[in-house]
Amino acid sequence: MTTPRFRTAAVLDVETTGLSHYSDEIVELAVVLFRYDRAKGQVLEVVSEYSGLREPSCPMRREATAVNGITRRMVRGLNLDHTRIRAMLRQADFVVAHNAKFDRGFVERLMPSLRNKTWLCSLSGIEWAAKGFANRRLDDLAAAHEIENPCAHRASGDAATLLALLSHRPRYRKPYLHELLRKAGIIY
C-alpha cells in the first residue's frame, strides 16, 4: 500500500518559565497544522492554528520573561486546551520544532500521551552552515530570508515564522521542508 502524496504535519513552539524540562513549565504553546506534498516536500496550506497561554505552578524566571515578555499577570487563571492540542497533533504525521529537543521535553512532560509522536528538528535537520548561514537561530534565519516574525519569542509568531521558513524555496532548489523530510527518511 502506498502512502498518500498529500499529508498533514504540525509546526509547534513553546515559551517556558525557564530552560529546565524538570523544574520549569510551558506558559505558551502554539501549533500550526498544515498540509504538505510528500513528493515535493512542499507546504501547501494551513489547516488550523492554536495558540494558548497557561499559568504555571512554578515561578517564572526573570530571564524567561525578559525574552518572551510573558508575565505572571498575563497567564493568571489560564490553561491550554489540551483536548484541542491532542486532536490537532493526532492528525499530524510528525511535529516540527526549531530545537525540537527543547520543545519536545516540555510538551511530553505536560502531555505524556504525545510521547510516541515523531518529532523533526529544523535546527539540526537542515544543513544551515553548508548553505552559508553561520547562525542557526530562528530569528537570524528568518531575517536572512526576509521573513518577518510578527511576534518574535512568542509561540504563535515563532511557529508561523518557522512554517514560512520551511516553505521557503531557495533559488533553483527545493523548499527547506524537502531537505528536512529527506534527512528524516520520510521522502527519498
Protein backbone atom coordinates (compact mmCIF):
# COMPACT_ATOMS: atom_id res chain seq x y z
CA MET A 1 0.00 0.00 0.00
CA THR A 2 1.42 3.40 -0.92
CA THR A 3 1.38 6.43 1.32
CA PRO A 4 -0.89 9.24 0.08
CA ARG A 5 1.00 12.10 -1.54
CA PHE A 6 -0.77 14.88 0.36
CA ARG A 7 -0.33 14.58 4.11
CA THR A 8 -0.70 16.63 7.29
CA ALA A 9 2.00 17.75 9.74
CA ALA A 10 2.39 20.32 12.50
CA VAL A 11 4.78 23.07 13.50
CA LEU A 12 4.93 23.66 17.25
CA ASP A 13 6.59 26.20 19.53
CA VAL A 14 6.55 26.74 23.28
CA GLU A 15 7.52 29.55 25.62
CA THR A 16 8.51 28.48 29.11
CA THR A 17 9.35 29.72 32.60
CA GLY A 18 12.98 28.68 32.05
CA LEU A 19 15.22 26.12 30.39
CA SER A 20 14.83 23.02 32.59
CA HIS A 21 12.42 20.29 31.46
CA TYR A 22 12.29 19.15 35.09
CA SER A 23 11.67 22.33 37.07
CA ASP A 24 10.26 24.78 34.51
CA GLU A 25 6.94 24.71 32.66
CA ILE A 26 5.21 25.82 29.49
CA VAL A 27 3.49 29.22 29.68
CA GLU A 28 2.55 29.43 25.99
CA LEU A 29 2.10 26.84 23.25
CA ALA A 30 1.26 27.27 19.57
CA VAL A 31 0.52 24.64 16.93
CA VAL A 32 0.07 25.20 13.21
CA LEU A 33 -1.37 22.19 11.40
CA PHE A 34 -0.52 22.20 7.70
CA ARG A 35 -0.89 20.05 4.60
CA TYR A 36 2.16 19.21 2.55
CA ASP A 37 3.06 17.47 -0.68
CA ARG A 38 5.09 14.43 0.34
CA ALA A 39 6.63 14.01 -3.12
CA LYS A 40 7.83 17.61 -3.42
CA GLY A 41 8.42 18.37 0.25
CA GLN A 42 6.30 21.47 -0.17
CA VAL A 43 3.93 23.18 2.27
CA LEU A 44 0.50 23.50 0.63
CA GLU A 45 -1.78 25.20 3.12
CA VAL A 46 -2.50 25.88 6.78
CA VAL A 47 -5.29 23.61 8.04
CA SER A 48 -5.74 25.06 11.53
CA GLU A 49 -3.93 27.01 14.23
CA TYR A 50 -3.98 27.10 18.01
CA SER A 51 -2.22 29.34 20.48
CA GLY A 52 -2.79 29.45 24.21
CA LEU A 53 -1.35 30.66 27.48
CA ARG A 54 -1.21 28.77 30.76
CA GLU A 55 -0.47 29.67 34.33
CA PRO A 56 2.49 27.63 35.59
CA SER A 57 2.70 26.11 39.06
CA CYS A 58 6.36 27.14 39.35
CA PRO A 59 7.99 30.58 39.49
CA MET A 60 8.55 32.45 36.23
CA ARG A 61 12.23 33.23 35.82
CA ARG A 62 13.10 36.85 35.09
CA GLU A 63 15.37 35.74 32.26
CA ALA A 64 12.49 33.94 30.52
CA THR A 65 10.13 36.90 30.93
CA ALA A 66 12.85 39.18 29.54
CA VAL A 67 12.96 37.03 26.39
CA ASN A 68 9.28 36.25 25.78
CA GLY A 69 7.61 39.17 27.58
CA ILE A 70 5.10 36.86 29.28
CA THR A 71 4.33 37.91 32.84
CA ARG A 72 2.53 36.16 35.69
CA ARG A 73 -0.34 38.63 35.30
CA MET A 74 -0.80 37.68 31.62
CA VAL A 75 -1.24 33.98 32.40
CA ARG A 76 -3.13 34.16 35.71
CA GLY A 77 -6.01 31.68 35.69
CA LEU A 78 -5.37 30.49 32.13
CA ASN A 79 -4.85 26.97 30.84
CA LEU A 80 -4.20 25.34 27.48
CA ASP A 81 -6.89 23.46 25.58
CA HIS A 82 -5.29 20.02 25.91
CA THR A 83 -8.13 18.31 24.05
CA ARG A 84 -7.70 20.57 21.02
CA ILE A 85 -3.90 20.29 21.04
CA ARG A 86 -4.02 16.48 21.19
CA ALA A 87 -6.67 16.36 18.43
CA MET A 88 -4.55 18.56 16.16
CA LEU A 89 -1.37 16.58 16.80
CA ARG A 90 -3.15 13.25 16.23
CA GLN A 91 -3.80 14.44 12.65
CA ALA A 92 -0.11 15.19 12.11
CA ASP A 93 2.33 12.65 10.68
CA PHE A 94 5.06 14.47 12.59
CA VAL A 95 5.76 17.64 14.56
CA VAL A 96 8.46 20.14 13.55
CA ALA A 97 10.11 22.46 16.05
CA HIS A 98 13.20 24.64 15.80
CA ASN A 99 15.24 22.90 18.52
CA ALA A 100 12.81 20.02 18.89
CA LYS A 101 14.65 18.54 21.88
CA PHE A 102 13.73 21.63 23.91
CA ASP A 103 10.06 21.85 22.87
CA ARG A 104 9.50 18.09 22.95
CA GLY A 105 10.76 17.73 26.51
CA PHE A 106 8.27 20.30 27.78
CA VAL A 107 5.35 19.05 25.68
CA GLU A 108 5.83 15.41 26.68
CA ARG A 109 6.06 16.34 30.35
CA LEU A 110 2.80 18.30 30.12
CA MET A 111 1.01 15.79 27.87
CA PRO A 112 2.58 12.32 28.26
CA SER A 113 0.14 10.87 25.70
CA LEU A 114 2.24 12.59 22.99
CA ARG A 115 5.43 10.65 23.82
CA ASN A 116 5.16 8.44 20.73
CA LYS A 117 4.79 11.32 18.28
CA THR A 118 7.51 11.71 15.64
CA TRP A 119 9.44 14.99 16.00
CA LEU A 120 11.68 16.65 13.42
CA CYS A 121 14.15 19.38 14.26
CA SER A 122 14.60 22.26 11.81
CA LEU A 123 17.62 23.49 13.76
CA SER A 124 19.69 20.34 13.20
CA GLY A 125 17.77 18.65 10.37
CA ILE A 126 18.70 21.25 7.76
CA GLU A 127 22.32 21.91 6.77
CA TRP A 128 22.25 25.65 7.50
CA ALA A 129 26.06 26.05 7.65
CA ALA A 130 26.51 24.40 4.25
CA LYS A 131 24.09 26.98 2.88
CA GLY A 132 26.17 29.84 4.26
CA PHE A 133 24.24 30.53 7.47
CA ALA A 134 26.65 30.60 10.39
CA ASN A 135 23.89 31.25 12.92
CA ARG A 136 21.00 28.77 13.10
CA ARG A 137 18.77 30.82 15.40
CA LEU A 138 15.23 31.13 14.03
CA ASP A 139 15.26 34.94 14.20
CA ASP A 140 18.52 35.16 12.26
CA LEU A 141 17.46 32.62 9.63
CA ALA A 142 14.14 34.42 9.17
CA ALA A 143 15.87 37.78 8.77
CA ALA A 144 18.33 36.31 6.24
CA HIS A 145 15.35 35.07 4.21
CA GLU A 146 13.42 38.35 4.61
CA ILE A 147 10.71 36.62 6.63
CA GLU A 148 9.16 38.94 9.17
CA ASN A 149 8.30 37.42 12.52
CA PRO A 150 5.05 39.12 13.59
CA CYS A 151 5.76 38.41 17.25
CA ALA A 152 9.29 37.16 17.96
CA HIS A 153 9.80 34.96 21.02
CA ARG A 154 6.08 34.32 21.33
CA ALA A 155 4.88 30.85 20.42
CA SER A 156 2.44 31.84 17.66
CA GLY A 157 4.90 34.22 15.99
CA ASP A 158 7.74 31.71 16.10
CA ALA A 159 5.53 28.86 14.80
CA ALA A 160 4.32 31.00 11.88
CA THR A 161 7.89 32.09 11.14
CA LEU A 162 9.15 28.51 11.17
CA LEU A 163 6.42 27.42 8.76
CA ALA A 164 7.33 30.32 6.44
CA LEU A 165 10.99 29.28 6.61
CA LEU A 166 10.16 25.63 5.83
CA SER A 167 8.06 26.86 2.90
CA HIS A 168 10.90 28.98 1.55
CA ARG A 169 12.33 27.77 -1.71
CA PRO A 170 15.93 28.91 -2.21
CA ARG A 171 16.74 29.89 -5.77
CA TYR A 172 16.84 26.82 -8.03
CA ARG A 173 16.36 24.49 -5.08
CA LYS A 174 13.62 22.60 -3.29
CA PRO A 175 11.91 24.03 -0.18
CA TYR A 176 13.67 23.57 3.16
CA LEU A 177 10.87 21.21 4.22
CA HIS A 178 12.06 18.83 1.48
CA GLU A 179 15.54 18.57 3.00
CA LEU A 180 14.10 18.05 6.48
CA LEU A 181 11.84 15.24 5.22
CA ARG A 182 14.65 13.64 3.21
CA LYS A 183 17.04 13.61 6.19
CA ALA A 184 14.30 12.08 8.34
CA GLY A 185 13.71 9.34 5.76
CA ILE A 186 10.15 10.48 5.06
CA ILE A 187 10.91 11.11 1.39
CA TYR A 188 13.78 9.84 -0.76
